[in-house]
PDB file of N, CA and C in Angstrom:
ATOM      1  N   UNK A   1     -10.251   1.601  33.728  1.00  0.00           N
ATOM      2  CA  UNK A   1     -10.537   1.479  32.132  1.00  0.00           C
ATOM      3  C   UNK A   1     -10.928   2.583  31.435  1.00  0.00           C
ATOM      4  N   UNK A   2     -10.258   3.107  30.293  1.00  0.00           N
ATOM      5  CA  UNK A   2     -10.542   4.348  29.565  1.00  0.00           C
ATOM      6  C   UNK A   2     -10.837   3.827  28.423  1.00  0.00           C
ATOM      7  N   UNK A   3     -12.075   4.639  27.816  1.00  0.00           N
ATOM      8  CA  UNK A   3     -12.507   4.214  26.598  1.00  0.00           C
ATOM      9  C   UNK A   3     -12.592   5.666  25.808  1.00  0.00           C
ATOM     10  N   UNK A   4     -11.883   5.572  24.836  1.00  0.00           N
ATOM     11  CA  UNK A   4     -11.970   6.900  23.949  1.00  0.00           C
ATOM     12  C   UNK A   4     -12.571   6.615  22.641  1.00  0.00           C
ATOM     13  N   UNK A   5     -13.279   7.783  22.336  1.00  0.00           N
ATOM     14  CA  UNK A   5     -14.357   7.863  21.270  1.00  0.00           C
ATOM     15  C   UNK A   5     -13.782   9.085  20.298  1.00  0.00           C
ATOM     16  N   UNK A   6     -13.922   8.499  19.028  1.00  0.00           N
ATOM     17  CA  UNK A   6     -13.528   9.255  17.912  1.00  0.00           C
ATOM     18  C   UNK A   6     -14.874  10.061  17.170  1.00  0.00           C
ATOM     19  N   UNK A   7     -15.940   9.653  17.648  1.00  0.00           N
ATOM     20  CA  UNK A   7     -16.910  10.238  17.065  1.00  0.00           C
ATOM     21  C   UNK A   7     -17.559   9.598  15.936  1.00  0.00           C
ATOM     22  N   UNK A   8     -16.734   8.293  15.532  1.00  0.00           N
ATOM     23  CA  UNK A   8     -17.338   7.724  14.195  1.00  0.00           C
ATOM     24  C   UNK A   8     -18.654   7.229  14.459  1.00  0.00           C
ATOM     25  N   UNK A   9     -19.635   7.399  13.401  1.00  0.00           N
ATOM     26  CA  UNK A   9     -20.856   6.897  13.665  1.00  0.00           C
ATOM     27  C   UNK A   9     -20.991   5.300  13.700  1.00  0.00           C
ATOM     28  N   UNK A  10     -19.845   4.466  13.433  1.00  0.00           N
ATOM     29  CA  UNK A  10     -20.023   3.236  13.745  1.00  0.00           C
ATOM     30  C   UNK A  10     -19.735   2.854  15.120  1.00  0.00           C
ATOM     31  N   UNK A  11     -19.287   3.420  15.837  1.00  0.00           N
ATOM     32  CA  UNK A  11     -19.088   3.107  17.584  1.00  0.00           C
ATOM     33  C   UNK A  11     -20.420   2.644  17.976  1.00  0.00           C
ATOM     34  N   UNK A  12     -21.550   3.321  17.994  1.00  0.00           N
ATOM     35  CA  UNK A  12     -22.684   3.099  18.840  1.00  0.00           C
ATOM     36  C   UNK A  12     -23.302   2.112  18.018  1.00  0.00           C
ATOM     37  N   UNK A  13     -23.198   1.829  16.560  1.00  0.00           N
ATOM     38  CA  UNK A  13     -24.118   0.805  15.781  1.00  0.00           C
ATOM     39  C   UNK A  13     -23.349  -0.419  16.104  1.00  0.00           C
ATOM     40  N   UNK A  14     -21.981  -0.694  16.056  1.00  0.00           N
ATOM     41  CA  UNK A  14     -21.005  -1.877  15.958  1.00  0.00           C
ATOM     42  C   UNK A  14     -20.926  -2.116  17.748  1.00  0.00           C
ATOM     43  N   UNK A  15     -20.848  -1.156  18.380  1.00  0.00           N
ATOM     44  CA  UNK A  15     -20.373  -1.109  19.897  1.00  0.00           C
ATOM     45  C   UNK A  15     -19.115  -1.252  20.276  1.00  0.00           C
ATOM     46  N   UNK A  16     -18.432  -0.373  19.695  1.00  0.00           N
ATOM     47  CA  UNK A  16     -16.758  -0.309  19.905  1.00  0.00           C
ATOM     48  C   UNK A  16     -16.214   1.038  20.295  1.00  0.00           C
ATOM     49  N   UNK A  17     -14.954   1.003  20.785  1.00  0.00           N
ATOM     50  CA  UNK A  17     -14.352   2.453  20.986  1.00  0.00           C
ATOM     51  C   UNK A  17     -13.282   2.452  20.195  1.00  0.00           C
ATOM     52  N   UNK A  18     -12.913   3.688  19.727  1.00  0.00           N
ATOM     53  CA  UNK A  18     -11.777   3.813  19.177  1.00  0.00           C
ATOM     54  C   UNK A  18     -10.689   3.170  19.697  1.00  0.00           C
ATOM     55  N   UNK A  19     -10.195   3.561  20.924  1.00  0.00           N
ATOM     56  CA  UNK A  19      -9.304   3.074  21.980  1.00  0.00           C
ATOM     57  C   UNK A  19      -9.708   2.493  23.263  1.00  0.00           C
ATOM     58  N   UNK A  20      -9.040   1.636  23.668  1.00  0.00           N
ATOM     59  CA  UNK A  20      -9.476   1.247  25.180  1.00  0.00           C
ATOM     60  C   UNK A  20      -7.949   1.105  25.876  1.00  0.00           C
ATOM     61  N   UNK A  21      -7.907   1.778  27.241  1.00  0.00           N
ATOM     62  CA  UNK A  21      -6.586   1.772  27.870  1.00  0.00           C
ATOM     63  C   UNK A  21      -7.059   0.893  29.160  1.00  0.00           C
ATOM     64  N   UNK A  22      -6.296   0.085  29.459  1.00  0.00           N
ATOM     65  CA  UNK A  22      -6.372  -0.706  30.556  1.00  0.00           C
ATOM     66  C   UNK A  22      -4.911  -0.749  31.335  1.00  0.00           C
ATOM     67  N   UNK A  23      -4.901  -0.414  32.434  1.00  0.00           N
ATOM     68  CA  UNK A  23      -3.671  -0.209  33.143  1.00  0.00           C
ATOM     69  C   UNK A  23      -2.531   0.505  32.061  1.00  0.00           C
ATOM     70  N   UNK A  24      -1.481  -0.204  31.765  1.00  0.00           N
ATOM     71  CA  UNK A  24      -0.535   0.590  30.895  1.00  0.00           C
ATOM     72  C   UNK A  24      -0.603   0.218  29.582  1.00  0.00           C
ATOM     73  N   UNK A  25      -1.682  -0.573  29.073  1.00  0.00           N
ATOM     74  CA  UNK A  25      -1.726  -1.162  27.626  1.00  0.00           C
ATOM     75  C   UNK A  25      -2.998  -0.225  27.078  1.00  0.00           C
ATOM     76  N   UNK A  26      -2.650   0.300  25.877  1.00  0.00           N
ATOM     77  CA  UNK A  26      -3.523   0.895  24.976  1.00  0.00           C
ATOM     78  C   UNK A  26      -3.863   0.335  23.657  1.00  0.00           C
ATOM     79  N   UNK A  27      -5.052  -0.176  23.195  1.00  0.00           N
ATOM     80  CA  UNK A  27      -5.501  -0.951  22.134  1.00  0.00           C
ATOM     81  C   UNK A  27      -6.198   0.123  21.145  1.00  0.00           C
ATOM     82  N   UNK A  28      -5.788   0.338  19.958  1.00  0.00           N
ATOM     83  CA  UNK A  28      -6.538   1.244  19.147  1.00  0.00           C
ATOM     84  C   UNK A  28      -7.274   0.401  17.978  1.00  0.00           C
ATOM     85  N   UNK A  29      -8.252   0.466  17.719  1.00  0.00           N
ATOM     86  CA  UNK A  29      -9.203  -0.309  16.848  1.00  0.00           C
ATOM     87  C   UNK A  29      -9.076  -0.206  15.672  1.00  0.00           C
ATOM     88  N   UNK A  30      -9.315  -0.747  14.542  1.00  0.00           N
ATOM     89  CA  UNK A  30      -8.874  -0.650  13.322  1.00  0.00           C
ATOM     90  C   UNK A  30      -9.443   0.673  12.815  1.00  0.00           C
ATOM     91  N   UNK A  31      -8.592   1.487  12.389  1.00  0.00           N
ATOM     92  CA  UNK A  31      -8.820   2.889  11.973  1.00  0.00           C
ATOM     93  C   UNK A  31      -8.977   3.302  10.422  1.00  0.00           C
ATOM     94  N   UNK A  32      -9.880   3.635  10.090  1.00  0.00           N
ATOM     95  CA  UNK A  32     -10.287   3.885   8.381  1.00  0.00           C
ATOM     96  C   UNK A  32      -9.893   5.247   8.249  1.00  0.00           C
ATOM     97  N   UNK A  33      -9.521   5.480   6.898  1.00  0.00           N
ATOM     98  CA  UNK A  33      -9.026   7.011   6.658  1.00  0.00           C
ATOM     99  C   UNK A  33     -10.183   7.910   6.114  1.00  0.00           C
ATOM    100  N   UNK A  34     -10.946   8.355   7.140  1.00  0.00           N
ATOM    101  CA  UNK A  34     -12.268   9.138   6.895  1.00  0.00           C
ATOM    102  C   UNK A  34     -12.111  10.255   7.608  1.00  0.00           C
ATOM    103  N   UNK A  35     -12.414  11.440   6.951  1.00  0.00           N
ATOM    104  CA  UNK A  35     -12.601  12.873   7.663  1.00  0.00           C
ATOM    105  C   UNK A  35     -13.670  13.002   8.113  1.00  0.00           C
ATOM    106  N   UNK A  36     -13.674  14.044   9.059  1.00  0.00           N
ATOM    107  CA  UNK A  36     -14.846  14.343   9.544  1.00  0.00           C
ATOM    108  C   UNK A  36     -16.282  14.397   8.918  1.00  0.00           C
ATOM    109  N   UNK A  37     -15.929  15.124   7.576  1.00  0.00           N
ATOM    110  CA  UNK A  37     -17.091  15.209   6.822  1.00  0.00           C
ATOM    111  C   UNK A  37     -17.466  14.026   6.092  1.00  0.00           C
ATOM    112  N   UNK A  38     -16.850  13.061   6.285  1.00  0.00           N
ATOM    113  CA  UNK A  38     -17.143  11.562   5.623  1.00  0.00           C
ATOM    114  C   UNK A  38     -16.469  11.275   4.304  1.00  0.00           C
ATOM    115  N   UNK A  39     -15.599  12.337   3.909  1.00  0.00           N
ATOM    116  CA  UNK A  39     -14.987  11.979   2.762  1.00  0.00           C
ATOM    117  C   UNK A  39     -13.519  11.064   3.072  1.00  0.00           C
ATOM    118  N   UNK A  40     -12.906  10.658   2.029  1.00  0.00           N
ATOM    119  CA  UNK A  40     -11.878  10.028   1.995  1.00  0.00           C
ATOM    120  C   UNK A  40     -11.072  10.099   0.496  1.00  0.00           C
ATOM    121  N   UNK A  41      -9.732  10.593   1.056  1.00  0.00           N
ATOM    122  CA  UNK A  41      -8.815  10.871  -0.359  1.00  0.00           C
ATOM    123  C   UNK A  41      -8.474   9.537  -0.989  1.00  0.00           C
ATOM    124  N   UNK A  42      -8.430   9.603  -2.390  1.00  0.00           N
ATOM    125  CA  UNK A  42      -8.246   8.257  -2.875  1.00  0.00           C
ATOM    126  C   UNK A  42      -6.797   7.599  -2.830  1.00  0.00           C
ATOM    127  N   UNK A  43      -5.895   8.494  -2.581  1.00  0.00           N
ATOM    128  CA  UNK A  43      -4.360   8.259  -2.507  1.00  0.00           C
ATOM    129  C   UNK A  43      -4.147   7.304  -1.209  1.00  0.00           C
ATOM    130  N   UNK A  44      -3.838   6.146  -1.482  1.00  0.00           N
ATOM    131  CA  UNK A  44      -3.213   5.085  -0.338  1.00  0.00           C
ATOM    132  C   UNK A  44      -2.507   5.983   0.619  1.00  0.00           C
ATOM    133  N   UNK A  45      -1.510   6.743   0.152  1.00  0.00           N
ATOM    134  CA  UNK A  45      -0.591   7.181   1.087  1.00  0.00           C
ATOM    135  C   UNK A  45      -1.087   8.229   2.158  1.00  0.00           C
ATOM    136  N   UNK A  46      -2.091   9.011   1.433  1.00  0.00           N
ATOM    137  CA  UNK A  46      -2.914  10.289   2.137  1.00  0.00           C
ATOM    138  C   UNK A  46      -3.860   9.278   3.235  1.00  0.00           C
ATOM    139  N   UNK A  47      -4.241   8.200   2.614  1.00  0.00           N
ATOM    140  CA  UNK A  47      -5.274   7.488   3.484  1.00  0.00           C
ATOM    141  C   UNK A  47      -4.339   6.970   4.709  1.00  0.00           C
ATOM    142  N   UNK A  48      -3.205   6.363   4.426  1.00  0.00           N
ATOM    143  CA  UNK A  48      -2.474   5.966   5.695  1.00  0.00           C
ATOM    144  C   UNK A  48      -2.284   6.986   6.599  1.00  0.00           C
ATOM    145  N   UNK A  49      -1.789   8.251   6.103  1.00  0.00           N
ATOM    146  CA  UNK A  49      -1.428   9.301   6.805  1.00  0.00           C
ATOM    147  C   UNK A  49      -2.604   9.739   7.776  1.00  0.00           C
ATOM    148  N   UNK A  50      -4.200   9.714   7.100  1.00  0.00           N
ATOM    149  CA  UNK A  50      -5.112   9.869   7.917  1.00  0.00           C
ATOM    150  C   UNK A  50      -5.363   8.992   9.122  1.00  0.00           C
ATOM    151  N   UNK A  51      -5.063   7.603   8.817  1.00  0.00           N
ATOM    152  CA  UNK A  51      -5.498   6.835   9.738  1.00  0.00           C
ATOM    153  C   UNK A  51      -4.650   6.940  11.040  1.00  0.00           C
ATOM    154  N   UNK A  52      -3.111   7.123  10.502  1.00  0.00           N
ATOM    155  CA  UNK A  52      -2.224   7.327  11.617  1.00  0.00           C
ATOM    156  C   UNK A  52      -2.319   8.676  12.481  1.00  0.00           C
ATOM    157  N   UNK A  53      -3.188   9.754  11.850  1.00  0.00           N
ATOM    158  CA  UNK A  53      -3.587  11.067  12.599  1.00  0.00           C
ATOM    159  C   UNK A  53      -4.641  10.622  13.519  1.00  0.00           C
ATOM    160  N   UNK A  54      -5.558   9.909  13.269  1.00  0.00           N
ATOM    161  CA  UNK A  54      -6.412   9.413  14.103  1.00  0.00           C
ATOM    162  C   UNK A  54      -6.089   8.436  15.148  1.00  0.00           C
ATOM    163  N   UNK A  55      -5.004   7.854  14.951  1.00  0.00           N
ATOM    164  CA  UNK A  55      -4.731   6.857  15.946  1.00  0.00           C
ATOM    165  C   UNK A  55      -3.764   7.708  16.640  1.00  0.00           C
ATOM    166  N   UNK A  56      -2.922   8.445  16.352  1.00  0.00           N
ATOM    167  CA  UNK A  56      -2.074   9.484  17.251  1.00  0.00           C
ATOM    168  C   UNK A  56      -2.890  10.297  18.387  1.00  0.00           C
ATOM    169  N   UNK A  57      -4.031  10.681  17.755  1.00  0.00           N
ATOM    170  CA  UNK A  57      -5.041  11.469  18.583  1.00  0.00           C
ATOM    171  C   UNK A  57      -5.630  10.771  19.533  1.00  0.00           C
ATOM    172  N   UNK A  58      -6.168   9.360  19.237  1.00  0.00           N
ATOM    173  CA  UNK A  58      -6.650   8.254  20.233  1.00  0.00           C
ATOM    174  C   UNK A  58      -5.623   8.021  21.355  1.00  0.00           C
ATOM    175  N   UNK A  59      -4.625   7.723  20.971  1.00  0.00           N
ATOM    176  CA  UNK A  59      -3.302   7.386  21.818  1.00  0.00           C
ATOM    177  C   UNK A  59      -3.052   8.655  23.023  1.00  0.00           C
ATOM    178  N   UNK A  60      -3.029   9.753  22.396  1.00  0.00           N
ATOM    179  CA  UNK A  60      -2.873  10.781  23.160  1.00  0.00           C
ATOM    180  C   UNK A  60      -4.062  11.239  24.215  1.00  0.00           C
ATOM    181  N   UNK A  61      -5.240  10.707  23.620  1.00  0.00           N
ATOM    182  CA  UNK A  61      -6.558  10.861  24.752  1.00  0.00           C
ATOM    183  C   UNK A  61      -6.409   9.796  25.832  1.00  0.00           C
ATOM    184  N   UNK A  62      -5.739   8.837  25.445  1.00  0.00           N
ATOM    185  CA  UNK A  62      -5.506   7.689  26.504  1.00  0.00           C
ATOM    186  C   UNK A  62      -4.273   7.978  27.293  1.00  0.00           C
ATOM    187  N   UNK A  63      -3.622   8.884  26.969  1.00  0.00           N
ATOM    188  CA  UNK A  63      -2.555   9.089  27.693  1.00  0.00           C
ATOM    189  C   UNK A  63      -1.068   8.435  27.332  1.00  0.00           C
ATOM    190  N   UNK A  64      -1.061   8.251  25.998  1.00  0.00           N
ATOM    191  CA  UNK A  64      -0.086   7.608  25.358  1.00  0.00           C
ATOM    192  C   UNK A  64       0.494   8.325  24.157  1.00  0.00           C
ATOM    193  N   UNK A  65       1.288   7.864  23.621  1.00  0.00           N
ATOM    194  CA  UNK A  65       2.235   8.625  22.371  1.00  0.00           C
ATOM    195  C   UNK A  65       2.681   7.433  21.562  1.00  0.00           C
ATOM    196  N   UNK A  66       3.060   8.147  19.975  1.00  0.00           N
ATOM    197  CA  UNK A  66       3.579   7.205  19.264  1.00  0.00           C
ATOM    198  C   UNK A  66       4.764   6.123  19.595  1.00  0.00           C
ATOM    199  N   UNK A  67       5.569   6.862  20.491  1.00  0.00           N
ATOM    200  CA  UNK A  67       6.423   6.181  21.157  1.00  0.00           C
ATOM    201  C   UNK A  67       6.473   5.073  21.928  1.00  0.00           C
ATOM    202  N   UNK A  68       5.145   5.101  22.416  1.00  0.00           N
ATOM    203  CA  UNK A  68       4.816   3.789  23.388  1.00  0.00           C
ATOM    204  C   UNK A  68       4.155   2.833  22.347  1.00  0.00           C
ATOM    205  N   UNK A  69       3.837   2.879  21.068  1.00  0.00           N
ATOM    206  CA  UNK A  69       3.444   1.818  20.352  1.00  0.00           C
ATOM    207  C   UNK A  69       4.325   0.439  20.049  1.00  0.00           C
ATOM    208  N   UNK A  70       3.986  -0.663  20.331  1.00  0.00           N
ATOM    209  CA  UNK A  70       4.761  -1.807  20.347  1.00  0.00           C
ATOM    210  C   UNK A  70       4.225  -2.692  19.205  1.00  0.00           C
ATOM    211  N   UNK A  71       3.106  -2.311  18.618  1.00  0.00           N
ATOM    212  CA  UNK A  71       2.417  -3.406  17.596  1.00  0.00           C
ATOM    213  C   UNK A  71       1.706  -2.369  16.642  1.00  0.00           C
ATOM    214  N   UNK A  72       1.738  -2.544  15.323  1.00  0.00           N
ATOM    215  CA  UNK A  72       0.639  -2.320  14.405  1.00  0.00           C
ATOM    216  C   UNK A  72       0.316  -3.379  13.487  1.00  0.00           C
ATOM    217  N   UNK A  73      -0.973  -3.264  13.065  1.00  0.00           N
ATOM    218  CA  UNK A  73      -1.279  -3.933  11.876  1.00  0.00           C
ATOM    219  C   UNK A  73      -1.822  -3.206  10.779  1.00  0.00           C
ATOM    220  N   UNK A  74      -1.542  -3.546   9.483  1.00  0.00           N
ATOM    221  CA  UNK A  74      -2.044  -2.583   8.484  1.00  0.00           C
ATOM    222  C   UNK A  74      -2.874  -3.375   7.733  1.00  0.00           C
ATOM    223  N   UNK A  75      -4.012  -3.286   7.041  1.00  0.00           N
ATOM    224  CA  UNK A  75      -4.608  -3.974   6.115  1.00  0.00           C
ATOM    225  C   UNK A  75      -4.887  -3.070   4.704  1.00  0.00           C
ATOM    226  N   UNK A  76      -4.310  -3.968   3.628  1.00  0.00           N
ATOM    227  CA  UNK A  76      -4.364  -3.056   2.322  1.00  0.00           C
ATOM    228  C   UNK A  76      -5.168  -4.087   1.399  1.00  0.00           C
ATOM    229  N   UNK A  77      -6.131  -3.116   0.622  1.00  0.00           N
ATOM    230  CA  UNK A  77      -6.518  -3.875  -0.583  1.00  0.00           C
ATOM    231  C   UNK A  77      -5.830  -4.157  -1.786  1.00  0.00           C
ATOM    232  N   UNK A  78      -4.870  -3.385  -1.763  1.00  0.00           N
ATOM    233  CA  UNK A  78      -3.928  -3.649  -3.141  1.00  0.00           C
ATOM    234  C   UNK A  78      -2.478  -3.571  -2.735  1.00  0.00           C
ATOM    235  N   UNK A  79      -1.966  -4.713  -3.072  1.00  0.00           N
ATOM    236  CA  UNK A  79      -0.420  -5.143  -3.003  1.00  0.00           C
ATOM    237  C   UNK A  79       0.342  -3.807  -3.328  1.00  0.00           C
ATOM    238  N   UNK A  80      -0.152  -3.113  -4.660  1.00  0.00           N
ATOM    239  CA  UNK A  80       0.399  -1.988  -5.342  1.00  0.00           C
ATOM    240  C   UNK A  80       0.692  -0.895  -4.105  1.00  0.00           C
ATOM    241  N   UNK A  81      -0.125  -0.780  -3.282  1.00  0.00           N
ATOM    242  CA  UNK A  81       0.016   0.395  -2.261  1.00  0.00           C
ATOM    243  C   UNK A  81       1.056   0.185  -1.180  1.00  0.00           C
ATOM    244  N   UNK A  82       1.610  -0.796  -1.230  1.00  0.00           N
ATOM    245  CA  UNK A  82       2.597  -1.037   0.107  1.00  0.00           C
ATOM    246  C   UNK A  82       3.618  -0.007   0.199  1.00  0.00           C
ATOM    247  N   UNK A  83       4.350   0.243  -0.840  1.00  0.00           N
ATOM    248  CA  UNK A  83       5.596   1.301  -0.564  1.00  0.00           C
ATOM    249  C   UNK A  83       4.998   2.685  -0.187  1.00  0.00           C
ATOM    250  N   UNK A  84       3.669   3.087  -0.353  1.00  0.00           N
ATOM    251  CA  UNK A  84       3.171   4.403  -0.135  1.00  0.00           C
ATOM    252  C   UNK A  84       2.776   4.365   1.242  1.00  0.00           C
ATOM    253  N   UNK A  85       2.146   3.180   1.724  1.00  0.00           N
ATOM    254  CA  UNK A  85       1.631   3.065   2.943  1.00  0.00           C
ATOM    255  C   UNK A  85       3.004   2.888   4.006  1.00  0.00           C
ATOM    256  N   UNK A  86       3.847   2.065   3.578  1.00  0.00           N
ATOM    257  CA  UNK A  86       5.079   1.669   4.344  1.00  0.00           C
ATOM    258  C   UNK A  86       5.776   3.177   4.661  1.00  0.00           C
ATOM    259  N   UNK A  87       5.715   4.027   3.746  1.00  0.00           N
ATOM    260  CA  UNK A  87       6.334   5.223   3.937  1.00  0.00           C
ATOM    261  C   UNK A  87       5.599   6.247   4.726  1.00  0.00           C
ATOM    262  N   UNK A  88       4.343   5.900   4.830  1.00  0.00           N
ATOM    263  CA  UNK A  88       3.798   6.860   5.893  1.00  0.00           C
ATOM    264  C   UNK A  88       3.984   6.331   7.243  1.00  0.00           C
ATOM    265  N   UNK A  89       3.916   5.230   7.363  1.00  0.00           N
ATOM    266  CA  UNK A  89       3.969   4.344   8.669  1.00  0.00           C
ATOM    267  C   UNK A  89       5.334   4.780   9.256  1.00  0.00           C
ATOM    268  N   UNK A  90       6.335   4.659   8.288  1.00  0.00           N
ATOM    269  CA  UNK A  90       7.813   5.112   8.767  1.00  0.00           C
ATOM    270  C   UNK A  90       7.994   6.479   9.156  1.00  0.00           C
ATOM    271  N   UNK A  91       6.891   7.478   8.501  1.00  0.00           N
ATOM    272  CA  UNK A  91       7.242   8.831   8.943  1.00  0.00           C
ATOM    273  C   UNK A  91       6.733   9.011  10.289  1.00  0.00           C
ATOM    274  N   UNK A  92       5.945   7.954  11.060  1.00  0.00           N
ATOM    275  CA  UNK A  92       5.380   8.108  12.494  1.00  0.00           C
ATOM    276  C   UNK A  92       6.198   7.240  13.149  1.00  0.00           C
ATOM    277  N   UNK A  93       6.491   6.061  12.598  1.00  0.00           N
ATOM    278  CA  UNK A  93       7.095   5.099  13.413  1.00  0.00           C
ATOM    279  C   UNK A  93       8.591   4.643  13.380  1.00  0.00           C
ATOM    280  N   UNK A  94       8.954   5.316  12.241  1.00  0.00           N
ATOM    281  CA  UNK A  94      10.394   4.943  11.719  1.00  0.00           C
ATOM    282  C   UNK A  94      11.460   4.936  12.905  1.00  0.00           C
ATOM    283  N   UNK A  95      11.269   5.852  13.865  1.00  0.00           N
ATOM    284  CA  UNK A  95      12.493   5.468  15.290  1.00  0.00           C
ATOM    285  C   UNK A  95      11.904   4.568  16.219  1.00  0.00           C
ATOM    286  N   UNK A  96      10.361   4.396  16.417  1.00  0.00           N
ATOM    287  CA  UNK A  96       9.964   3.670  17.252  1.00  0.00           C
ATOM    288  C   UNK A  96      10.207   2.159  17.003  1.00  0.00           C
ATOM    289  N   UNK A  97       9.903   1.692  15.723  1.00  0.00           N
ATOM    290  CA  UNK A  97      10.031   0.422  15.201  1.00  0.00           C
ATOM    291  C   UNK A  97       9.490  -0.685  15.873  1.00  0.00           C
ATOM    292  N   UNK A  98       7.921  -0.399  15.949  1.00  0.00           N
ATOM    293  CA  UNK A  98       7.284  -1.639  16.594  1.00  0.00           C
ATOM    294  C   UNK A  98       7.167  -2.709  15.924  1.00  0.00           C
ATOM    295  N   UNK A  99       6.531  -3.745  16.469  1.00  0.00           N
ATOM    296  CA  UNK A  99       6.374  -4.877  15.528  1.00  0.00           C
ATOM    297  C   UNK A  99       5.242  -4.364  14.882  1.00  0.00           C
ATOM    298  N   UNK A 100       5.323  -5.114  13.334  1.00  0.00           N
ATOM    299  CA  UNK A 100       4.588  -4.388  12.471  1.00  0.00           C
ATOM    300  C   UNK A 100       4.092  -5.689  11.520  1.00  0.00           C
ATOM    301  N   UNK A 101       2.581  -5.416  11.050  1.00  0.00           N
ATOM    302  CA  UNK A 101       2.101  -6.415  10.184  1.00  0.00           C
ATOM    303  C   UNK A 101       1.514  -6.099   8.887  1.00  0.00           C
ATOM    304  N   UNK A 102       1.601  -6.205   7.825  1.00  0.00           N
ATOM    305  CA  UNK A 102       0.850  -5.778   6.613  1.00  0.00           C
ATOM    306  C   UNK A 102       0.429  -6.896   6.092  1.00  0.00           C
ATOM    307  N   UNK A 103      -1.101  -6.782   5.729  1.00  0.00           N
ATOM    308  CA  UNK A 103      -1.802  -7.774   5.051  1.00  0.00           C
ATOM    309  C   UNK A 103      -2.553  -7.197   4.117  1.00  0.00           C
ATOM    310  N   UNK A 104      -2.705  -8.321   2.952  1.00  0.00           N
ATOM    311  CA  UNK A 104      -3.506  -7.884   1.881  1.00  0.00           C
ATOM    312  C   UNK A 104      -4.760  -8.570   2.041  1.00  0.00           C
ATOM    313  N   UNK A 105      -5.913  -7.832   2.188  1.00  0.00           N
ATOM    314  CA  UNK A 105      -7.346  -8.249   2.167  1.00  0.00           C
ATOM    315  C   UNK A 105      -8.006  -8.223   0.776  1.00  0.00           C
ATOM    316  N   UNK A 106      -9.111  -8.995   0.786  1.00  0.00           N
ATOM    317  CA  UNK A 106     -10.182  -8.611  -0.272  1.00  0.00           C
ATOM    318  C   UNK A 106     -10.854  -7.372  -0.524  1.00  0.00           C
ATOM    319  N   UNK A 107     -11.066  -6.798   0.977  1.00  0.00           N
ATOM    320  CA  UNK A 107     -11.841  -5.372   0.970  1.00  0.00           C
ATOM    321  C   UNK A 107     -11.930  -5.124   2.101  1.00  0.00           C
ATOM    322  N   UNK A 108     -12.488  -3.959   2.235  1.00  0.00           N
ATOM    323  CA  UNK A 108     -12.744  -3.353   3.545  1.00  0.00           C
ATOM    324  C   UNK A 108     -13.950  -2.689   3.557  1.00  0.00           C
ATOM    325  N   UNK A 109     -14.717  -2.498   4.760  1.00  0.00           N
ATOM    326  CA  UNK A 109     -16.056  -1.904   5.041  1.00  0.00           C
ATOM    327  C   UNK A 109     -16.583  -1.119   4.037  1.00  0.00           C
ATOM    328  N   UNK A 110     -15.729  -0.124   3.608  1.00  0.00           N
ATOM    329  CA  UNK A 110     -16.101   0.886   2.617  1.00  0.00           C
ATOM    330  C   UNK A 110     -15.196   0.634   1.504  1.00  0.00           C
ATOM    331  N   UNK A 111     -15.802   0.458   0.306  1.00  0.00           N
ATOM    332  CA  UNK A 111     -15.000   0.394  -0.928  1.00  0.00           C
ATOM    333  C   UNK A 111     -14.032   1.511  -1.164  1.00  0.00           C
ATOM    334  N   UNK A 112     -14.108   2.546  -0.731  1.00  0.00           N
ATOM    335  CA  UNK A 112     -13.262   3.627  -0.944  1.00  0.00           C
ATOM    336  C   UNK A 112     -11.774   3.628  -0.056  1.00  0.00           C
ATOM    337  N   UNK A 113     -11.834   2.496   0.723  1.00  0.00           N
ATOM    338  CA  UNK A 113     -10.863   2.466   1.762  1.00  0.00           C
ATOM    339  C   UNK A 113      -9.912   1.425   1.148  1.00  0.00           C
ATOM    340  N   UNK A 114      -8.578   2.091   1.029  1.00  0.00           N
ATOM    341  CA  UNK A 114      -7.551   1.336   0.552  1.00  0.00           C
ATOM    342  C   UNK A 114      -6.894   0.732   1.749  1.00  0.00           C
ATOM    343  N   UNK A 115      -6.794   1.106   2.904  1.00  0.00           N
ATOM    344  CA  UNK A 115      -6.034   0.698   3.986  1.00  0.00           C
ATOM    345  C   UNK A 115      -6.664   1.462   5.365  1.00  0.00           C
ATOM    346  N   UNK A 116      -6.581   0.321   6.359  1.00  0.00           N
ATOM    347  CA  UNK A 116      -6.972   0.485   7.605  1.00  0.00           C
ATOM    348  C   UNK A 116      -5.950  -0.002   8.586  1.00  0.00           C
ATOM    349  N   UNK A 117      -5.842   0.599   9.589  1.00  0.00           N
ATOM    350  CA  UNK A 117      -4.760   0.337  10.511  1.00  0.00           C
ATOM    351  C   UNK A 117      -5.099   0.171  12.169  1.00  0.00           C
ATOM    352  N   UNK A 118      -4.380  -0.652  12.725  1.00  0.00           N
ATOM    353  CA  UNK A 118      -4.734  -0.998  14.385  1.00  0.00           C
ATOM    354  C   UNK A 118      -3.259  -0.522  14.977  1.00  0.00           C
ATOM    355  N   UNK A 119      -3.339  -0.388  16.354  1.00  0.00           N
ATOM    356  CA  UNK A 119      -2.075  -0.306  16.943  1.00  0.00           C
ATOM    357  C   UNK A 119      -2.234  -0.405  18.552  1.00  0.00           C
ATOM    358  N   UNK A 120      -1.338  -1.062  19.142  1.00  0.00           N
ATOM    359  CA  UNK A 120      -1.257  -1.004  20.596  1.00  0.00           C
ATOM    360  C   UNK A 120       0.109  -0.588  21.016  1.00  0.00           C
ATOM    361  N   UNK A 121      -0.084   0.041  22.311  1.00  0.00           N
ATOM    362  CA  UNK A 121       0.750   0.581  22.929  1.00  0.00           C
ATOM    363  C   UNK A 121       0.928   0.269  24.197  1.00  0.00           C
ATOM    364  N   UNK A 122       1.939   0.217  25.100  1.00  0.00           N
ATOM    365  CA  UNK A 122       2.236   0.088  26.453  1.00  0.00           C
ATOM    366  C   UNK A 122       3.119   1.339  27.074  1.00  0.00           C
ATOM    367  N   UNK A 123       2.156   2.086  27.914  1.00  0.00           N
ATOM    368  CA  UNK A 123       2.857   3.208  28.573  1.00  0.00           C
ATOM    369  C   UNK A 123       3.487   2.914  29.569  1.00  0.00           C
ATOM    370  N   UNK A 124       4.861   3.386  29.538  1.00  0.00           N
ATOM    371  CA  UNK A 124       5.799   3.168  30.998  1.00  0.00           C
ATOM    372  C   UNK A 124       5.289   3.883  32.071  1.00  0.00           C
TER     373      UNK A 124
END
């Protein structure tokens, strides 16, 4: 088993890893749009791109790449953000076309977050 840490201050508090690889499967935890300095862009599209950047880095550290992603889950706090977030998702996964779900939720851990994304990959 390979555990990937992103350095999030939540990892030791909650007791989770950014990603875990077991055999050919890589699972990436819910990923928030936070920069290393703790800031968060207010734009839903920019937030989605940041989440996906963190996810792609975790995949790489686990020996996977976006082309190996078979499933994503996107949590949104505002239905009005669907187009912006879908566009960002398509920039990374447009050719991959994983099974994907978007869900509107009441809120996320930090009120600044408009999107959080999970991913699962299978490495051939």
